C-alpha atoms as a PDB file:
ATOM      1  CA  MET A   1     127.315 150.751  46.253  1.00  0.00           C
ATOM      2  CA  ARG A   2     130.568 152.563  47.113  1.00  0.00           C
ATOM      3  CA  ILE A   3     133.704 150.618  46.218  1.00  0.00           C
ATOM      4  CA  ARG A   4     136.747 152.777  47.087  1.00  0.00           C
ATOM      5  CA  SER A   5     137.470 155.063  44.141  1.00  0.00           C
ATOM      6  CA  PHE A   6     135.500 153.076  41.592  1.00  0.00           C
ATOM      7  CA  ILE A   7     132.434 154.921  40.378  1.00  0.00           C
ATOM      8  CA  VAL A   8     129.998 152.213  39.344  1.00  0.00           C
ATOM      9  CA  VAL A   9     127.144 152.616  36.884  1.00  0.00           C
ATOM     10  CA  SER A  10     124.636 152.145  39.684  1.00  0.00           C
ATOM     11  CA  SER A  11     121.570 152.094  37.459  1.00  0.00           C
ATOM     12  CA  LEU A  12     122.951 149.019  35.715  1.00  0.00           C
ATOM     13  CA  LEU A  13     124.108 146.992  38.729  1.00  0.00           C
ATOM     14  CA  LEU A  14     122.605 143.525  38.652  1.00  0.00           C
ATOM     15  CA  ALA A  15     123.466 140.244  40.323  1.00  0.00           C
ATOM     16  CA  ALA A  16     126.582 138.842  38.631  1.00  0.00           C
ATOM     17  CA  ALA A  17     126.270 135.513  36.892  1.00  0.00           C
ATOM     18  CA  THR A  18     128.726 132.674  37.285  1.00  0.00           C
ATOM     19  CA  ALA A  19     131.467 132.759  34.644  1.00  0.00           C
ATOM     20  CA  ALA A  20     130.468 130.778  31.567  1.00  0.00           C
ATOM     21  CA  PHE A  21     134.037 129.857  30.549  1.00  0.00           C
ATOM     22  CA  PRO A  22     137.192 128.790  32.395  1.00  0.00           C
ATOM     23  CA  GLN A  23     139.047 132.053  33.010  1.00  0.00           C
ATOM     24  CA  THR A  24     142.830 132.305  32.894  1.00  0.00           C
ATOM     25  CA  LYS A  25     145.280 135.200  33.268  1.00  0.00           C
ATOM     26  CA  ASP A  26     148.571 135.208  31.408  1.00  0.00           C
ATOM     27  CA  ARG A  27     151.348 137.742  31.993  1.00  0.00           C
ATOM     28  CA  LEU A  28     152.887 138.585  28.624  1.00  0.00           C
ATOM     29  CA  ASP A  29     156.415 139.272  29.810  1.00  0.00           C
ATOM     30  CA  ARG A  30     158.203 137.838  26.751  1.00  0.00           C
ATOM     31  CA  ARG A  31     158.006 138.891  23.102  1.00  0.00           C
ATOM     32  CA  ASP A  32     156.876 135.438  21.971  1.00  0.00           C
ATOM     33  CA  LYS A  33     153.918 135.602  24.380  1.00  0.00           C
ATOM     34  CA  LEU A  34     152.843 138.941  22.919  1.00  0.00           C
ATOM     35  CA  PHE A  35     152.136 137.500  19.472  1.00  0.00           C
ATOM     36  CA  GLY A  36     148.940 139.066  18.133  1.00  0.00           C
ATOM     37  CA  TYR A  37     148.674 141.593  20.997  1.00  0.00           C
ATOM     38  CA  GLU A  38     151.765 143.735  20.394  1.00  0.00           C
ATOM     39  CA  ALA A  39     149.618 146.782  19.570  1.00  0.00           C
ATOM     40  CA  VAL A  40     148.265 147.083  23.140  1.00  0.00           C
ATOM     41  CA  GLY A  41     150.154 149.438  25.432  1.00  0.00           C
ATOM     42  CA  ARG A  42     150.118 151.778  28.415  1.00  0.00           C
ATOM     43  CA  LEU A  43     148.917 155.345  28.047  1.00  0.00           C
ATOM     44  CA  GLN A  44     151.060 157.176  30.571  1.00  0.00           C
ATOM     45  CA  SER A  45     150.234 160.578  32.039  1.00  0.00           C
ATOM     46  CA  ALA A  46     151.366 162.742  34.936  1.00  0.00           C
ATOM     47  CA  ARG A  47     148.659 161.265  37.178  1.00  0.00           C
ATOM     48  CA  GLY A  48     148.880 157.580  36.343  1.00  0.00           C
ATOM     49  CA  HIS A  49     148.186 155.309  33.430  1.00  0.00           C
ATOM     50  CA  CYS A  50     145.426 153.680  31.437  1.00  0.00           C
ATOM     51  CA  THR A  51     145.445 150.996  28.766  1.00  0.00           C
ATOM     52  CA  ALA A  52     145.230 151.793  25.049  1.00  0.00           C
ATOM     53  CA  ALA A  53     145.427 149.921  21.744  1.00  0.00           C
ATOM     54  CA  LEU A  54     146.404 150.889  18.209  1.00  0.00           C
ATOM     55  CA  ILE A  55     143.608 150.922  15.642  1.00  0.00           C
ATOM     56  CA  THR A  56     145.768 152.563  12.954  1.00  0.00           C
ATOM     57  CA  ARG A  57     149.544 152.975  12.773  1.00  0.00           C
ATOM     58  CA  ASP A  58     149.333 156.339  14.522  1.00  0.00           C
ATOM     59  CA  VAL A  59     146.013 156.294  16.413  1.00  0.00           C
ATOM     60  CA  ALA A  60     145.293 154.494  19.689  1.00  0.00           C
ATOM     61  CA  LEU A  61     141.944 153.847  21.352  1.00  0.00           C
ATOM     62  CA  THR A  62     141.333 154.476  25.060  1.00  0.00           C
ATOM     63  CA  ALA A  63     138.728 155.841  27.501  1.00  0.00           C
ATOM     64  CA  ALA A  64     137.739 159.516  27.462  1.00  0.00           C
ATOM     65  CA  HIS A  65     138.205 159.908  31.217  1.00  0.00           C
ATOM     66  CA  CYS A  66     141.845 158.888  30.753  1.00  0.00           C
ATOM     67  CA  VAL A  67     142.557 161.978  28.659  1.00  0.00           C
ATOM     68  CA  HIS A  68     140.024 164.589  29.797  1.00  0.00           C
ATOM     69  CA  GLY A  69     141.782 167.311  31.775  1.00  0.00           C
ATOM     70  CA  ASN A  70     145.035 165.452  31.210  1.00  0.00           C
ATOM     71  CA  GLU A  71     145.734 166.081  27.539  1.00  0.00           C
ATOM     72  CA  THR A  72     149.317 167.303  27.851  1.00  0.00           C
ATOM     73  CA  LYS A  73     152.355 165.072  28.115  1.00  0.00           C
ATOM     74  CA  LEU A  74     150.524 161.850  27.324  1.00  0.00           C
ATOM     75  CA  VAL A  75     152.804 159.049  26.133  1.00  0.00           C
ATOM     76  CA  PHE A  76     151.848 155.741  24.504  1.00  0.00           C
ATOM     77  CA  GLN A  77     154.141 152.852  25.451  1.00  0.00           C
ATOM     78  CA  MET A  78     153.351 149.981  23.114  1.00  0.00           C
ATOM     79  CA  ALA A  79     153.763 146.459  24.514  1.00  0.00           C
ATOM     80  CA  PHE A  80     155.264 147.871  27.712  1.00  0.00           C
ATOM     81  CA  SER A  81     156.921 145.147  29.792  1.00  0.00           C
ATOM     82  CA  ASP A  82     159.087 145.496  32.897  1.00  0.00           C
ATOM     83  CA  GLY A  83     160.361 148.983  32.119  1.00  0.00           C
ATOM     84  CA  ALA A  84     160.749 148.685  28.345  1.00  0.00           C
ATOM     85  CA  ALA A  85     158.410 149.128  25.391  1.00  0.00           C
ATOM     86  CA  LEU A  86     158.543 147.970  21.780  1.00  0.00           C
ATOM     87  CA  ALA A  87     157.784 151.557  20.766  1.00  0.00           C
ATOM     88  CA  THR A  88     157.145 154.824  22.593  1.00  0.00           C
ATOM     89  CA  ARG A  89     155.338 157.805  21.092  1.00  0.00           C
ATOM     90  CA  ARG A  90     154.251 161.199  22.367  1.00  0.00           C
ATOM     91  CA  VAL A  91     150.553 161.997  21.894  1.00  0.00           C
ATOM     92  CA  GLU A  92     149.840 164.987  19.637  1.00  0.00           C
ATOM     93  CA  ASP A  93     146.040 165.084  19.338  1.00  0.00           C
ATOM     94  CA  VAL A  94     143.123 163.869  21.413  1.00  0.00           C
ATOM     95  CA  ALA A  95     139.535 163.344  20.234  1.00  0.00           C
ATOM     96  CA  MET A  96     136.839 162.532  22.793  1.00  0.00           C
ATOM     97  CA  ALA A  97     133.393 161.244  21.940  1.00  0.00           C
ATOM     98  CA  PRO A  98     130.853 164.064  21.570  1.00  0.00           C
ATOM     99  CA  GLY A  99     128.433 163.557  24.424  1.00  0.00           C
ATOM    100  CA  TYR A 100     130.951 162.531  27.054  1.00  0.00           C
ATOM    101  CA  LEU A 101     131.494 165.978  28.559  1.00  0.00           C
ATOM    102  CA  ASP A 102     127.792 166.737  28.507  1.00  0.00           C
ATOM    103  CA  ALA A 103     127.025 163.424  30.234  1.00  0.00           C
ATOM    104  CA  SER A 104     129.674 164.204  32.847  1.00  0.00           C
ATOM    105  CA  LYS A 105     128.171 167.616  33.435  1.00  0.00           C
ATOM    106  CA  ARG A 106     124.696 166.100  33.842  1.00  0.00           C
ATOM    107  CA  ARG A 107     126.105 163.284  36.019  1.00  0.00           C
ATOM    108  CA  SER A 108     124.449 160.741  33.779  1.00  0.00           C
ATOM    109  CA  ARG A 109     126.375 157.565  34.629  1.00  0.00           C
ATOM    110  CA  THR A 110     124.851 155.493  31.845  1.00  0.00           C
ATOM    111  CA  SER A 111     125.654 158.105  29.189  1.00  0.00           C
ATOM    112  CA  GLN A 112     129.117 158.648  30.651  1.00  0.00           C
ATOM    113  CA  THR A 113     129.815 154.967  30.162  1.00  0.00           C
ATOM    114  CA  ALA A 114     128.423 154.869  26.628  1.00  0.00           C
ATOM    115  CA  TYR A 115     130.455 157.926  25.535  1.00  0.00           C
ATOM    116  CA  ASP A 116     133.601 157.209  27.533  1.00  0.00           C
ATOM    117  CA  VAL A 117     135.649 156.724  24.369  1.00  0.00           C
ATOM    118  CA  ALA A 118     138.626 158.643  23.018  1.00  0.00           C
ATOM    119  CA  LEU A 119     141.291 158.403  20.340  1.00  0.00           C
ATOM    120  CA  VAL A 120     144.834 159.726  20.644  1.00  0.00           C
ATOM    121  CA  ARG A 121     146.993 160.512  17.619  1.00  0.00           C
ATOM    122  CA  LEU A 122     150.673 159.723  18.019  1.00  0.00           C
ATOM    123  CA  ALA A 123     153.550 161.948  16.968  1.00  0.00           C
ATOM    124  CA  SER A 124     154.592 159.402  14.352  1.00  0.00           C
ATOM    125  CA  PRO A 125     153.297 156.036  13.090  1.00  0.00           C
ATOM    126  CA  ILE A 126     154.506 152.747  14.567  1.00  0.00           C
ATOM    127  CA  TYR A 127     155.750 150.205  12.049  1.00  0.00           C
ATOM    128  CA  ASP A 128     157.387 147.740  14.414  1.00  0.00           C
ATOM    129  CA  ALA A 129     157.749 144.348  12.756  1.00  0.00           C
ATOM    130  CA  GLY A 130     154.866 142.036  13.582  1.00  0.00           C
ATOM    131  CA  THR A 131     152.705 144.794  15.012  1.00  0.00           C
ATOM    132  CA  ASN A 132     149.314 145.203  13.389  1.00  0.00           C
ATOM    133  CA  PRO A 133     146.594 147.646  14.491  1.00  0.00           C
ATOM    134  CA  PHE A 134     143.329 146.064  15.590  1.00  0.00           C
ATOM    135  CA  ASP A 135     140.017 146.194  13.758  1.00  0.00           C
ATOM    136  CA  VAL A 136     137.031 147.668  15.596  1.00  0.00           C
ATOM    137  CA  VAL A 137     133.896 145.573  15.037  1.00  0.00           C
ATOM    138  CA  LYS A 138     130.320 145.194  16.215  1.00  0.00           C
ATOM    139  CA  SER A 139     129.509 143.347  19.423  1.00  0.00           C
ATOM    140  CA  PRO A 140     129.329 139.562  19.239  1.00  0.00           C
ATOM    141  CA  ALA A 141     126.419 137.503  20.508  1.00  0.00           C
ATOM    142  CA  LYS A 142     125.699 137.365  24.228  1.00  0.00           C
ATOM    143  CA  GLY A 143     127.737 134.626  25.890  1.00  0.00           C
ATOM    144  CA  THR A 144     130.684 134.900  23.487  1.00  0.00           C
ATOM    145  CA  SER A 145     134.076 134.092  24.986  1.00  0.00           C
ATOM    146  CA  LEU A 146     136.164 137.246  25.388  1.00  0.00           C
ATOM    147  CA  THR A 147     139.728 138.310  26.125  1.00  0.00           C
ATOM    148  CA  LEU A 148     140.666 141.413  28.105  1.00  0.00           C
ATOM    149  CA  ALA A 149     144.145 142.904  27.604  1.00  0.00           C
ATOM    150  CA  SER A 150     145.117 145.376  30.317  1.00  0.00           C
ATOM    151  CA  TYR A 151     147.694 146.936  32.600  1.00  0.00           C
ATOM    152  CA  GLY A 152     145.609 146.797  35.750  1.00  0.00           C
ATOM    153  CA  ARG A 153     146.630 146.952  39.382  1.00  0.00           C
ATOM    154  CA  GLY A 154     148.925 144.068  40.306  1.00  0.00           C
ATOM    155  CA  ARG A 155     149.798 143.593  36.634  1.00  0.00           C
ATOM    156  CA  MET A 156     150.727 147.074  35.532  1.00  0.00           C
ATOM    157  CA  GLU A 157     154.359 146.273  34.650  1.00  0.00           C
ATOM    158  CA  ALA A 158     153.423 143.845  31.882  1.00  0.00           C
ATOM    159  CA  LEU A 159     150.375 143.281  29.722  1.00  0.00           C
ATOM    160  CA  THR A 160     148.034 140.637  31.106  1.00  0.00           C
ATOM    161  CA  LEU A 161     145.521 138.702  29.028  1.00  0.00           C
ATOM    162  CA  GLU A 162     142.419 137.462  30.794  1.00  0.00           C
ATOM    163  CA  ARG A 163     140.903 134.787  28.614  1.00  0.00           C
ATOM    164  CA  GLY A 164     137.526 133.130  28.958  1.00  0.00           C
ATOM    165  CA  CYS A 165     135.418 135.970  30.313  1.00  0.00           C
ATOM    166  CA  ALA A 166     131.983 136.401  28.760  1.00  0.00           C
ATOM    167  CA  LEU A 167     129.709 139.020  27.282  1.00  0.00           C
ATOM    168  CA  GLU A 168     126.786 139.015  29.716  1.00  0.00           C
ATOM    169  CA  THR A 169     124.521 141.863  28.628  1.00  0.00           C
ATOM    170  CA  LEU A 170     124.141 144.336  25.775  1.00  0.00           C
ATOM    171  CA  TYR A 171     122.328 147.407  27.050  1.00  0.00           C
ATOM    172  CA  ARG A 172     120.486 149.880  24.899  1.00  0.00           C
ATOM    173  CA  GLY A 173     122.579 152.962  24.255  1.00  0.00           C
ATOM    174  CA  GLY A 174     125.964 151.343  23.709  1.00  0.00           C
ATOM    175  CA  VAL A 175     126.852 149.903  27.128  1.00  0.00           C
ATOM    176  CA  VAL A 176     128.044 146.331  27.591  1.00  0.00           C
ATOM    177  CA  ARG A 177     128.463 144.239  30.717  1.00  0.00           C
ATOM    178  CA  ILE A 178     131.156 141.590  30.885  1.00  0.00           C
ATOM    179  CA  ASP A 179     132.524 139.413  33.673  1.00  0.00           C
ATOM    180  CA  CYS A 180     136.195 140.226  33.018  1.00  0.00           C
ATOM    181  CA  ASP A 181     138.168 141.189  36.128  1.00  0.00           C
ATOM    182  CA  ALA A 182     139.138 144.802  35.389  1.00  0.00           C
ATOM    183  CA  THR A 183     140.719 147.042  37.998  1.00  0.00           C
ATOM    184  CA  TYR A 184     142.614 150.326  38.419  1.00  0.00           C
ATOM    185  CA  GLY A 185     144.692 150.961  35.286  1.00  0.00           C
ATOM    186  CA  SER A 186     142.321 148.877  33.143  1.00  0.00           C
ATOM    187  CA  SER A 187     140.403 151.917  31.931  1.00  0.00           C
ATOM    188  CA  GLY A 188     140.481 152.021  28.145  1.00  0.00           C
ATOM    189  CA  ALA A 189     141.533 148.382  27.937  1.00  0.00           C
ATOM    190  CA  PRO A 190     140.393 146.644  24.739  1.00  0.00           C
ATOM    191  CA  VAL A 191     137.924 143.777  24.978  1.00  0.00           C
ATOM    192  CA  PHE A 192     138.471 141.237  22.201  1.00  0.00           C
ATOM    193  CA  PHE A 193     136.798 138.275  20.638  1.00  0.00           C
ATOM    194  CA  GLN A 194     138.276 136.040  17.961  1.00  0.00           C
ATOM    195  CA  SER A 195     137.025 136.572  14.423  1.00  0.00           C
ATOM    196  CA  GLY A 196     138.696 135.430  11.214  1.00  0.00           C
ATOM    197  CA  GLY A 197     141.645 134.074  13.156  1.00  0.00           C
ATOM    198  CA  ARG A 198     142.516 137.439  14.732  1.00  0.00           C
ATOM    199  CA  PRO A 199     141.450 139.276  17.874  1.00  0.00           C
ATOM    200  CA  LYS A 200     138.981 142.087  17.133  1.00  0.00           C
ATOM    201  CA  ILE A 201     138.037 144.930  19.490  1.00  0.00           C
ATOM    202  CA  PHE A 202     134.343 145.517  20.132  1.00  0.00           C
ATOM    203  CA  ALA A 203     134.443 147.454  23.428  1.00  0.00           C
ATOM    204  CA  ILE A 204     136.737 149.168  25.906  1.00  0.00           C
ATOM    205  CA  VAL A 205     136.612 149.046  29.702  1.00  0.00           C
ATOM    206  CA  THR A 206     135.108 152.102  31.378  1.00  0.00           C
ATOM    207  CA  SER A 207     134.066 151.101  34.927  1.00  0.00           C
ATOM    208  CA  GLY A 208     133.343 148.216  37.237  1.00  0.00           C
ATOM    209  CA  VAL A 209     133.938 146.401  40.502  1.00  0.00           C
ATOM    210  CA  HIS A 210     137.110 144.360  40.948  1.00  0.00           C
ATOM    211  CA  ALA A 211     136.581 140.763  42.159  1.00  0.00           C
ATOM    212  CA  ASP A 212     138.612 141.366  45.341  1.00  0.00           C
ATOM    213  CA  GLU A 213     136.314 144.250  46.271  1.00  0.00           C
ATOM    214  CA  ALA A 214     132.949 142.737  45.325  1.00  0.00           C
ATOM    215  CA  ALA A 215     130.772 141.425  48.137  1.00  0.00           C
ATOM    216  CA  ASP A 216     130.287 138.110  46.336  1.00  0.00           C
ATOM    217  CA  GLY A 217     133.822 137.957  44.910  1.00  0.00           C
ATOM    218  CA  ILE A 218     132.579 138.173  41.328  1.00  0.00           C
ATOM    219  CA  ALA A 219     133.907 140.907  39.065  1.00  0.00           C
ATOM    220  CA  ILE A 220     131.544 143.253  37.255  1.00  0.00           C
ATOM    221  CA  THR A 221     132.926 145.284  34.370  1.00  0.00           C
ATOM    222  CA  TYR A 222     131.168 147.729  32.077  1.00  0.00           C
ATOM    223  CA  GLY A 223     132.330 148.940  28.722  1.00  0.00           C
ATOM    224  CA  ALA A 224     131.416 151.112  25.764  1.00  0.00           C
ATOM    225  CA  GLU A 225     130.595 149.755  22.329  1.00  0.00           C
ATOM    226  CA  LEU A 226     132.656 151.380  19.612  1.00  0.00           C
ATOM    227  CA  THR A 227     131.338 151.083  16.067  1.00  0.00           C
ATOM    228  CA  GLU A 228     128.974 154.072  16.352  1.00  0.00           C
ATOM    229  CA  ILE A 229     131.651 156.334  17.840  1.00  0.00           C
ATOM    230  CA  VAL A 230     135.095 155.460  16.481  1.00  0.00           C
ATOM    231  CA  PRO A 231     134.557 156.346  12.770  1.00  0.00           C
ATOM    232  CA  GLY A 232     133.520 159.898  13.670  1.00  0.00           C
ATOM    233  CA  LEU A 233     136.495 160.335  15.994  1.00  0.00           C
ATOM    234  CA  LEU A 234     138.872 159.147  13.277  1.00  0.00           C
ATOM    235  CA  GLN A 235     137.383 161.686  10.908  1.00  0.00           C
ATOM    236  CA  THR A 236     137.788 164.406  13.523  1.00  0.00           C
ATOM    237  CA  LEU A 237     141.492 163.619  13.828  1.00  0.00           C
ATOM    238  CA  ARG A 238     141.884 163.610  10.040  1.00  0.00           C
ATOM    239  CA  ASN A 239     140.157 166.985   9.750  1.00  0.00           C
ATOM    240  CA  LYS A 240     142.369 168.531  12.418  1.00  0.00           C
ATOM    241  CA  ARG A 241     145.614 167.028  11.192  1.00  0.00           C
ATOM    242  CA  ALA A 242     146.275 169.927   8.833  1.00  0.00           C
ATOM    243  CA  LEU A 243     146.300 172.416  11.701  1.00  0.00           C
ATOM    244  CA  ALA A 244     149.680 173.662  12.919  1.00  0.00           C
ATOM    245  CA  PRO A 245     150.831 171.668  15.963  1.00  0.00           C
ATOM    246  CA  VAL A 246     150.919 173.304  19.360  1.00  0.00           C
ATOM    247  CA  SER A 247     154.301 173.800  20.990  1.00  0.00           C
ATOM    248  CA  GLU A 248     153.803 171.243  23.749  1.00  0.00           C
ATOM    249  CA  GLY A 249     151.431 168.417  24.590  1.00  0.00           C
ATOM    250  CA  ALA A 250     148.233 167.454  22.852  1.00  0.00           C
ATOM    251  CA  ARG A 251     145.416 169.448  21.345  1.00  0.00           C
ATOM    252  CA  ARG A 252     142.045 168.614  22.870  1.00  0.00           C
ATOM    253  CA  ILE A 253     139.374 168.018  20.241  1.00  0.00           C
ATOM    254  CA  SER A 254     135.960 167.624  21.798  1.00  0.00           C
ATOM    255  CA  VAL A 255     132.536 169.094  22.228  1.00  0.00           C
ATOM    256  CA  GLY A 256     131.544 170.649  25.538  1.00  0.00           C
ATOM    257  CA  ASP A 257     132.783 172.543  28.559  1.00  0.00           C
ATOM    258  CA  ARG A 258     136.230 171.646  29.818  1.00  0.00           C
ATOM    259  CA  SER A 259     135.105 172.330  33.378  1.00  0.00           C
ATOM    260  CA  ALA A 260     132.889 169.231  33.357  1.00  0.00           C
ATOM    261  CA  GLY A 261     133.695 166.401  35.759  1.00  0.00           C
ATOM    262  CA  SER A 262     136.185 163.700  34.851  1.00  0.00           C
ATOM    263  CA  GLY A 263     133.618 160.916  34.912  1.00  0.00           C
ATOM    264  CA  ILE A 264     134.033 157.244  35.618  1.00  0.00           C
ATOM    265  CA  THR A 265     137.598 156.260  36.341  1.00  0.00           C
ATOM    266  CA  PHE A 266     139.868 153.469  37.445  1.00  0.00           C
ATOM    267  CA  ILE A 267     142.877 155.796  37.747  1.00  0.00           C
ATOM    268  CA  ARG A 268     143.984 156.893  41.186  1.00  0.00           C
ATOM    269  CA  PRO A 269     145.321 160.480  40.978  1.00  0.00           C
ATOM    270  CA  GLY A 270     149.029 160.673  41.776  1.00  0.00           C
ATOM    271  CA  SER A 271     149.622 156.958  41.325  1.00  0.00           C
ATOM    272  CA  ASN A 272     150.449 154.481  38.598  1.00  0.00           C
ATOM    273  CA  ASP A 273     147.652 152.025  39.262  1.00  0.00           C
END
């Protein structure tokens, strides 16, 4: 199936199920609406933007294809809304999941999705009042009600929460399928479920088909599970932190050949959607 510039994980395409929960979208264009989600922001680059979320005071989580080949001049704009952000930080280091570049080189869509995970280290920590980094946890049970926080097309000027989407399938190898309505700019967006009274991240968006572009009008979104990947990436950033910083942009920390393809993407080159 060819859906404009989406590259879908074709081996995993199945008939979409009807949404299990009432789904709502809320534009968080005021500070009071942001409560609990302040640590989500836009990851801006020369060729567009993705969505990212803080998991420590100076490390944000996003998709690997958002940073591969684009490591310089990345900027994290936390809680970006209508031209302003609660905090803005330049990205200093990038760590991509080992396996992503190899999967891209082999054109293995399933593996690309599973390893499409990256961390970016910010130039300085963010201690904005009321902002707390998110915990990364294991996937919940199938059917759990989820919330997607993203800066997708048509909502890229303010964070939008889509509540009530569901976890449909857990695939072997670290790929999840959800019925959230992701679109261009949603790459790297955190997928939450409520646990202990707080939203917890268990996956990020990597690919899919937007509802407006699906033949049956039902969104299909795929994501990567995180608990097997994120701890190693955090350790990689810690190990590299002692190295002298480069003069400009971010250092790329990854395994593989830089010439590999950019993989699954929701970004349109040369645009901000």
